[in-house]
C-alpha atoms as a PDB file:
ATOM      1  CA  UNK A   1     -16.287   5.569  12.420  1.00  0.00           C
ATOM      2  CA  UNK A   2     -14.169   3.393  10.792  1.00  0.00           C
ATOM      3  CA  UNK A   3     -12.584   5.394   8.208  1.00  0.00           C
ATOM      4  CA  UNK A   4     -12.947   2.233   5.525  1.00  0.00           C
ATOM      5  CA  UNK A   5     -16.631   2.754   6.205  1.00  0.00           C
ATOM      6  CA  UNK A   6     -16.924   6.507   5.086  1.00  0.00           C
ATOM      7  CA  UNK A   7     -17.756   7.068   1.408  1.00  0.00           C
ATOM      8  CA  UNK A   8     -15.623   8.240  -1.043  1.00  0.00           C
ATOM      9  CA  UNK A   9     -16.859  11.919  -1.210  1.00  0.00           C
ATOM     10  CA  UNK A  10     -16.016  11.291   3.311  1.00  0.00           C
ATOM     11  CA  UNK A  11     -12.988   9.857   2.896  1.00  0.00           C
ATOM     12  CA  UNK A  12     -11.539  12.294   0.857  1.00  0.00           C
ATOM     13  CA  UNK A  13     -13.144  14.958   2.257  1.00  0.00           C
ATOM     14  CA  UNK A  14     -11.630  14.413   5.337  1.00  0.00           C
ATOM     15  CA  UNK A  15      -8.376  13.750   3.800  1.00  0.00           C
ATOM     16  CA  UNK A  16      -8.352  17.184   2.197  1.00  0.00           C
ATOM     17  CA  UNK A  17      -9.325  19.382   6.064  1.00  0.00           C
ATOM     18  CA  UNK A  18      -6.783  19.922   9.177  1.00  0.00           C
ATOM     19  CA  UNK A  19      -8.133  16.866  10.512  1.00  0.00           C
ATOM     20  CA  UNK A  20      -4.560  14.502  11.629  1.00  0.00           C
ATOM     21  CA  UNK A  21      -6.292  11.513  10.486  1.00  0.00           C
ATOM     22  CA  UNK A  22      -6.655   9.972   7.327  1.00  0.00           C
ATOM     23  CA  UNK A  23      -3.087  11.407   5.830  1.00  0.00           C
ATOM     24  CA  UNK A  24      -0.207   9.542   3.459  1.00  0.00           C
ATOM     25  CA  UNK A  25      -0.973   6.446   4.952  1.00  0.00           C
ATOM     26  CA  UNK A  26      -4.096   5.858   4.809  1.00  0.00           C
ATOM     27  CA  UNK A  27      -4.139   7.173   1.359  1.00  0.00           C
ATOM     28  CA  UNK A  28      -1.729   4.483   0.313  1.00  0.00           C
ATOM     29  CA  UNK A  29      -2.845   1.847   1.556  1.00  0.00           C
ATOM     30  CA  UNK A  30      -6.532   2.615  -0.328  1.00  0.00           C
ATOM     31  CA  UNK A  31      -4.575   3.168  -4.035  1.00  0.00           C
ATOM     32  CA  UNK A  32      -3.173   0.498  -3.321  1.00  0.00           C
ATOM     33  CA  UNK A  33      -6.106  -1.791  -2.507  1.00  0.00           C
ATOM     34  CA  UNK A  34      -7.638  -0.179  -5.537  1.00  0.00           C
ATOM     35  CA  UNK A  35      -4.645  -1.232  -7.777  1.00  0.00           C
ATOM     36  CA  UNK A  36      -4.911  -5.311  -6.760  1.00  0.00           C
ATOM     37  CA  UNK A  37      -8.825  -4.923  -7.210  1.00  0.00           C
ATOM     38  CA  UNK A  38      -7.746  -4.223 -10.703  1.00  0.00           C
ATOM     39  CA  UNK A  39      -5.521  -7.381 -10.371  1.00  0.00           C
ATOM     40  CA  UNK A  40      -9.020  -9.285  -9.673  1.00  0.00           C
ATOM     41  CA  UNK A  41     -11.619  -8.187 -11.990  1.00  0.00           C
ATOM     42  CA  UNK A  42      -8.879  -9.013 -14.725  1.00  0.00           C
ATOM     43  CA  UNK A  43      -8.821 -12.296 -13.037  1.00  0.00           C
ATOM     44  CA  UNK A  44     -12.709 -12.202 -13.487  1.00  0.00           C
ATOM     45  CA  UNK A  45     -12.937 -11.583 -17.057  1.00  0.00           C
ATOM     46  CA  UNK A  46     -10.047 -14.229 -17.440  1.00  0.00           C
ATOM     47  CA  UNK A  47     -12.265 -17.788 -15.975  1.00  0.00           C
ATOM     48  CA  UNK A  48     -14.815 -19.048 -18.092  1.00  0.00           C
ATOM     49  CA  UNK A  49     -13.059 -18.162 -21.271  1.00  0.00           C
ATOM     50  CA  UNK A  50     -12.580 -21.290 -23.217  1.00  0.00           C
ATOM     51  CA  UNK A  51      -8.563 -18.958 -24.646  1.00  0.00           C
ATOM     52  CA  UNK A  52      -7.776 -19.316 -21.264  1.00  0.00           C
ATOM     53  CA  UNK A  53      -8.328 -22.791 -19.604  1.00  0.00           C
ATOM     54  CA  UNK A  54      -4.966 -23.497 -18.970  1.00  0.00           C
ATOM     55  CA  UNK A  55      -4.255 -20.754 -16.394  1.00  0.00           C
ATOM     56  CA  UNK A  56      -7.601 -21.144 -14.908  1.00  0.00           C
ATOM     57  CA  UNK A  57      -7.107 -22.761 -11.752  1.00  0.00           C
ATOM     58  CA  UNK A  58      -4.131 -20.739 -11.569  1.00  0.00           C
ATOM     59  CA  UNK A  59      -6.017 -17.513 -12.041  1.00  0.00           C
ATOM     60  CA  UNK A  60      -8.627 -18.338  -9.059  1.00  0.00           C
ATOM     61  CA  UNK A  61      -5.528 -18.500  -7.074  1.00  0.00           C
ATOM     62  CA  UNK A  62      -5.065 -15.412  -7.842  1.00  0.00           C
ATOM     63  CA  UNK A  63      -7.694 -13.597  -7.204  1.00  0.00           C
ATOM     64  CA  UNK A  64      -8.447 -15.417  -4.108  1.00  0.00           C
ATOM     65  CA  UNK A  65      -5.405 -14.125  -2.579  1.00  0.00           C
ATOM     66  CA  UNK A  66      -6.025 -10.993  -4.597  1.00  0.00           C
ATOM     67  CA  UNK A  67      -8.821 -10.284  -2.825  1.00  0.00           C
ATOM     68  CA  UNK A  68      -7.188 -11.763   0.850  1.00  0.00           C
ATOM     69  CA  UNK A  69      -4.745  -8.332   0.553  1.00  0.00           C
ATOM     70  CA  UNK A  70      -7.205  -6.292  -1.009  1.00  0.00           C
ATOM     71  CA  UNK A  71      -9.061  -6.569   2.697  1.00  0.00           C
ATOM     72  CA  UNK A  72      -5.837  -6.457   5.180  1.00  0.00           C
ATOM     73  CA  UNK A  73      -5.151  -3.400   2.992  1.00  0.00           C
ATOM     74  CA  UNK A  74      -7.878  -2.103   3.469  1.00  0.00           C
ATOM     75  CA  UNK A  75      -7.347  -2.640   6.949  1.00  0.00           C
ATOM     76  CA  UNK A  76      -4.106  -0.778   7.234  1.00  0.00           C
ATOM     77  CA  UNK A  77      -6.260   2.152   6.923  1.00  0.00           C
ATOM     78  CA  UNK A  78      -7.537   2.811   9.927  1.00  0.00           C
ATOM     79  CA  UNK A  79      -4.374   0.792  11.502  1.00  0.00           C
ATOM     80  CA  UNK A  80      -2.253   3.696  10.322  1.00  0.00           C
ATOM     81  CA  UNK A  81      -5.124   5.998  11.786  1.00  0.00           C
ATOM     82  CA  UNK A  82      -4.800   4.539  15.185  1.00  0.00           C
ATOM     83  CA  UNK A  83      -1.008   4.833  14.961  1.00  0.00           C
ATOM     84  CA  UNK A  84      -0.802   8.042  14.283  1.00  0.00           C
ATOM     85  CA  UNK A  85      -3.886  10.003  16.392  1.00  0.00           C
ATOM     86  CA  UNK A  86      -1.066   8.945  20.332  1.00  0.00           C
ATOM     87  CA  UNK A  87       2.151  10.905  17.766  1.00  0.00           C
ATOM     88  CA  UNK A  88      -0.072  13.784  16.691  1.00  0.00           C
ATOM     89  CA  UNK A  89      -0.802  14.009  20.863  1.00  0.00           C
ATOM     90  CA  UNK A  90       2.881  13.183  21.448  1.00  0.00           C
ATOM     91  CA  UNK A  91       3.949  16.466  19.660  1.00  0.00           C
ATOM     92  CA  UNK A  92       2.345  18.554  22.052  1.00  0.00           C
ATOM     93  CA  UNK A  93       3.952  17.506  24.814  1.00  0.00           C
ATOM     94  CA  UNK A  94       6.375  20.296  26.092  1.00  0.00           C
ATOM     95  CA  UNK A  95       9.536  20.069  25.652  1.00  0.00           C
ATOM     96  CA  UNK A  96      11.276  20.112  28.901  1.00  0.00           C
ATOM     97  CA  UNK A  97       9.220  17.648  29.949  1.00  0.00           C
ATOM     98  CA  UNK A  98      10.669  14.395  31.498  1.00  0.00           C
ATOM     99  CA  UNK A  99       8.637  11.764  29.477  1.00  0.00           C
ATOM    100  CA  UNK A 100       8.603  13.581  26.837  1.00  0.00           C
ATOM    101  CA  UNK A 101      11.633  11.213  24.486  1.00  0.00           C
ATOM    102  CA  UNK A 102      10.996   8.092  25.669  1.00  0.00           C
ATOM    103  CA  UNK A 103       6.687   8.386  24.963  1.00  0.00           C
ATOM    104  CA  UNK A 104       7.631  10.375  21.236  1.00  0.00           C
ATOM    105  CA  UNK A 105       9.489   6.968  20.423  1.00  0.00           C
ATOM    106  CA  UNK A 106       7.088   4.889  21.707  1.00  0.00           C
ATOM    107  CA  UNK A 107       4.828   6.516  19.383  1.00  0.00           C
ATOM    108  CA  UNK A 108       7.097   6.966  16.053  1.00  0.00           C
ATOM    109  CA  UNK A 109       8.211   3.443  16.125  1.00  0.00           C
ATOM    110  CA  UNK A 110       4.327   3.060  16.749  1.00  0.00           C
ATOM    111  CA  UNK A 111       3.560   5.166  13.688  1.00  0.00           C
ATOM    112  CA  UNK A 112       6.214   3.637  11.318  1.00  0.00           C
ATOM    113  CA  UNK A 113       4.501  -0.320  11.389  1.00  0.00           C
ATOM    114  CA  UNK A 114       1.947   0.725   9.296  1.00  0.00           C
ATOM    115  CA  UNK A 115       3.613   2.480   6.729  1.00  0.00           C
ATOM    116  CA  UNK A 116       6.067  -0.670   6.117  1.00  0.00           C
ATOM    117  CA  UNK A 117       3.231  -3.270   6.566  1.00  0.00           C
ATOM    118  CA  UNK A 118       1.665  -1.554   3.779  1.00  0.00           C
ATOM    119  CA  UNK A 119       5.257  -1.042   1.512  1.00  0.00           C
ATOM    120  CA  UNK A 120       5.258  -5.215   1.753  1.00  0.00           C
ATOM    121  CA  UNK A 121       2.003  -5.294   1.389  1.00  0.00           C
ATOM    122  CA  UNK A 122       2.298  -3.198  -2.128  1.00  0.00           C
ATOM    123  CA  UNK A 123       5.189  -5.676  -2.626  1.00  0.00           C
ATOM    124  CA  UNK A 124       2.974  -8.581  -2.942  1.00  0.00           C
ATOM    125  CA  UNK A 125       0.107  -6.737  -4.543  1.00  0.00           C
ATOM    126  CA  UNK A 126       2.504  -6.258  -7.785  1.00  0.00           C
ATOM    127  CA  UNK A 127       3.755 -10.195  -7.631  1.00  0.00           C
ATOM    128  CA  UNK A 128       0.500 -10.589  -8.212  1.00  0.00           C
ATOM    129  CA  UNK A 129      -0.185  -7.983 -11.187  1.00  0.00           C
ATOM    130  CA  UNK A 130       2.808  -9.426 -12.867  1.00  0.00           C
ATOM    131  CA  UNK A 131       0.924 -12.819 -12.730  1.00  0.00           C
ATOM    132  CA  UNK A 132      -2.162 -11.285 -14.213  1.00  0.00           C
ATOM    133  CA  UNK A 133      -0.670  -8.797 -16.592  1.00  0.00           C
ATOM    134  CA  UNK A 134       0.533 -12.063 -17.823  1.00  0.00           C
ATOM    135  CA  UNK A 135      -1.775 -14.503 -18.166  1.00  0.00           C
ATOM    136  CA  UNK A 136      -5.409 -12.965 -17.654  1.00  0.00           C
ATOM    137  CA  UNK A 137      -6.799 -11.099 -20.830  1.00  0.00           C
ATOM    138  CA  UNK A 138      -5.686  -9.025 -22.988  1.00  0.00           C
ATOM    139  CA  UNK A 139      -8.772  -6.916 -23.511  1.00  0.00           C
ATOM    140  CA  UNK A 140      -8.569  -6.483 -19.591  1.00  0.00           C
ATOM    141  CA  UNK A 141      -4.440  -5.597 -19.989  1.00  0.00           C
ATOM    142  CA  UNK A 142      -4.839  -1.386 -19.154  1.00  0.00           C
ATOM    143  CA  UNK A 143      -6.488  -2.133 -15.894  1.00  0.00           C
ATOM    144  CA  UNK A 144      -3.228  -4.599 -14.983  1.00  0.00           C
ATOM    145  CA  UNK A 145      -1.178  -1.430 -15.501  1.00  0.00           C
ATOM    146  CA  UNK A 146      -3.547   0.750 -14.198  1.00  0.00           C
ATOM    147  CA  UNK A 147      -3.282  -2.155 -11.023  1.00  0.00           C
ATOM    148  CA  UNK A 148       0.464  -1.590 -11.145  1.00  0.00           C
ATOM    149  CA  UNK A 149       1.168   1.921 -11.314  1.00  0.00           C
ATOM    150  CA  UNK A 150      -1.230   2.187  -8.491  1.00  0.00           C
ATOM    151  CA  UNK A 151       1.148  -0.210  -6.296  1.00  0.00           C
ATOM    152  CA  UNK A 152       3.665   1.944  -7.436  1.00  0.00           C
ATOM    153  CA  UNK A 153       2.661   5.112  -6.166  1.00  0.00           C
ATOM    154  CA  UNK A 154       1.257   3.347  -3.217  1.00  0.00           C
ATOM    155  CA  UNK A 155       4.454   2.327  -2.012  1.00  0.00           C
ATOM    156  CA  UNK A 156       6.445   5.404  -2.614  1.00  0.00           C
ATOM    157  CA  UNK A 157       3.693   7.121  -0.228  1.00  0.00           C
ATOM    158  CA  UNK A 158       4.196   4.105   1.973  1.00  0.00           C
ATOM    159  CA  UNK A 159       8.063   4.590   2.002  1.00  0.00           C
ATOM    160  CA  UNK A 160       8.018   8.406   2.501  1.00  0.00           C
ATOM    161  CA  UNK A 161       5.781   7.782   5.668  1.00  0.00           C
ATOM    162  CA  UNK A 162       7.915   5.450   7.215  1.00  0.00           C
ATOM    163  CA  UNK A 163      11.051   7.756   6.671  1.00  0.00           C
ATOM    164  CA  UNK A 164       9.133  10.811   8.304  1.00  0.00           C
ATOM    165  CA  UNK A 165       8.763   8.416  11.051  1.00  0.00           C
ATOM    166  CA  UNK A 166      12.169   6.880  11.038  1.00  0.00           C
ATOM    167  CA  UNK A 167      13.849  10.822  10.550  1.00  0.00           C
ATOM    168  CA  UNK A 168      12.956  11.380  14.012  1.00  0.00           C
ATOM    169  CA  UNK A 169      14.559   8.382  16.092  1.00  0.00           C
ATOM    170  CA  UNK A 170      16.790   8.475  18.768  1.00  0.00           C
ATOM    171  CA  UNK A 171      17.486   4.914  18.372  1.00  0.00           C
ATOM    172  CA  UNK A 172      18.796   5.552  14.944  1.00  0.00           C
ATOM    173  CA  UNK A 173      20.152   1.369  14.927  1.00  0.00           C
ATOM    174  CA  UNK A 174      16.378   0.673  14.838  1.00  0.00           C
ATOM    175  CA  UNK A 175      15.162   3.338  12.287  1.00  0.00           C
ATOM    176  CA  UNK A 176      18.536   3.093   9.785  1.00  0.00           C
ATOM    177  CA  UNK A 177      17.968  -1.055   9.723  1.00  0.00           C
ATOM    178  CA  UNK A 178      13.263  -0.575   8.973  1.00  0.00           C
ATOM    179  CA  UNK A 179      15.108   2.684   5.847  1.00  0.00           C
ATOM    180  CA  UNK A 180      17.533  -0.076   4.840  1.00  0.00           C
ATOM    181  CA  UNK A 181      14.463  -2.490   4.626  1.00  0.00           C
ATOM    182  CA  UNK A 182      12.310   0.052   2.759  1.00  0.00           C
ATOM    183  CA  UNK A 183      14.805   1.244   0.797  1.00  0.00           C
ATOM    184  CA  UNK A 184      15.332  -3.044  -0.905  1.00  0.00           C
ATOM    185  CA  UNK A 185      11.902  -3.051  -1.021  1.00  0.00           C
ATOM    186  CA  UNK A 186      11.566  -0.319  -3.192  1.00  0.00           C
ATOM    187  CA  UNK A 187      14.431  -1.675  -5.291  1.00  0.00           C
ATOM    188  CA  UNK A 188      12.981  -4.979  -5.759  1.00  0.00           C
ATOM    189  CA  UNK A 189       9.535  -3.919  -7.073  1.00  0.00           C
ATOM    190  CA  UNK A 190       9.483  -0.260  -8.781  1.00  0.00           C
ATOM    191  CA  UNK A 191      11.810  -1.626 -11.962  1.00  0.00           C
ATOM    192  CA  UNK A 192       8.786  -4.624 -11.691  1.00  0.00           C
ATOM    193  CA  UNK A 193       6.108  -2.319 -11.239  1.00  0.00           C
ATOM    194  CA  UNK A 194       7.866  -0.692 -14.369  1.00  0.00           C
ATOM    195  CA  UNK A 195       8.292  -3.788 -16.137  1.00  0.00           C
ATOM    196  CA  UNK A 196       4.779  -4.983 -15.999  1.00  0.00           C
ATOM    197  CA  UNK A 197       3.238  -1.273 -16.944  1.00  0.00           C
ATOM    198  CA  UNK A 198       5.976  -1.000 -19.879  1.00  0.00           C
ATOM    199  CA  UNK A 199       5.106  -4.673 -21.097  1.00  0.00           C
ATOM    200  CA  UNK A 200       1.284  -3.856 -20.735  1.00  0.00           C
ATOM    201  CA  UNK A 201       1.667  -0.845 -22.901  1.00  0.00           C
ATOM    202  CA  UNK A 202       3.413  -2.548 -26.038  1.00  0.00           C
ATOM    203  CA  UNK A 203       0.683  -5.429 -25.953  1.00  0.00           C
ATOM    204  CA  UNK A 204      -1.659  -2.250 -25.992  1.00  0.00           C
ATOM    205  CA  UNK A 205       0.960  -1.291 -29.054  1.00  0.00           C
END
């Protein structure tokens, strides 16, 4: 069964268990999906209101992007699980086995890919949330702030899941390039998330 078909209770029980998946990467994707869903909700409370008629077309476009992004993030939950399971088996290969190093390297690269994708998608979500917060209905500004906070945390979760894999890679050039890109995304988007949250707090008063 796909992880995205689990109930909330089943997912969190599995997360709390010794099962290799879901883990931090999948949890980060779920948190980000919840975050951008809150942005979409801001849109739902904005469209059709006379006060926001001048931005309705923009809001509808944002909502379409948010819905597609939420679906993509949910897909990443199972992608992360599928990529990690081979790595969990690779760790069981005897250390003196001649194939261990090449298998581990391949599995580490595969395991780092989903959280890196999640990291980028979180950035896209924050770009959308910034617009929802600026243009959306004031009555749900707190939800835009929550969405930004969730996506910020999800970014950090995804980044540390990239790092745990790159740290063990033999190909240091590849690993350091991935770490550098992850760091650049964090440097750009964490302040954006903080700004969305702070501006929303100011509007709430």
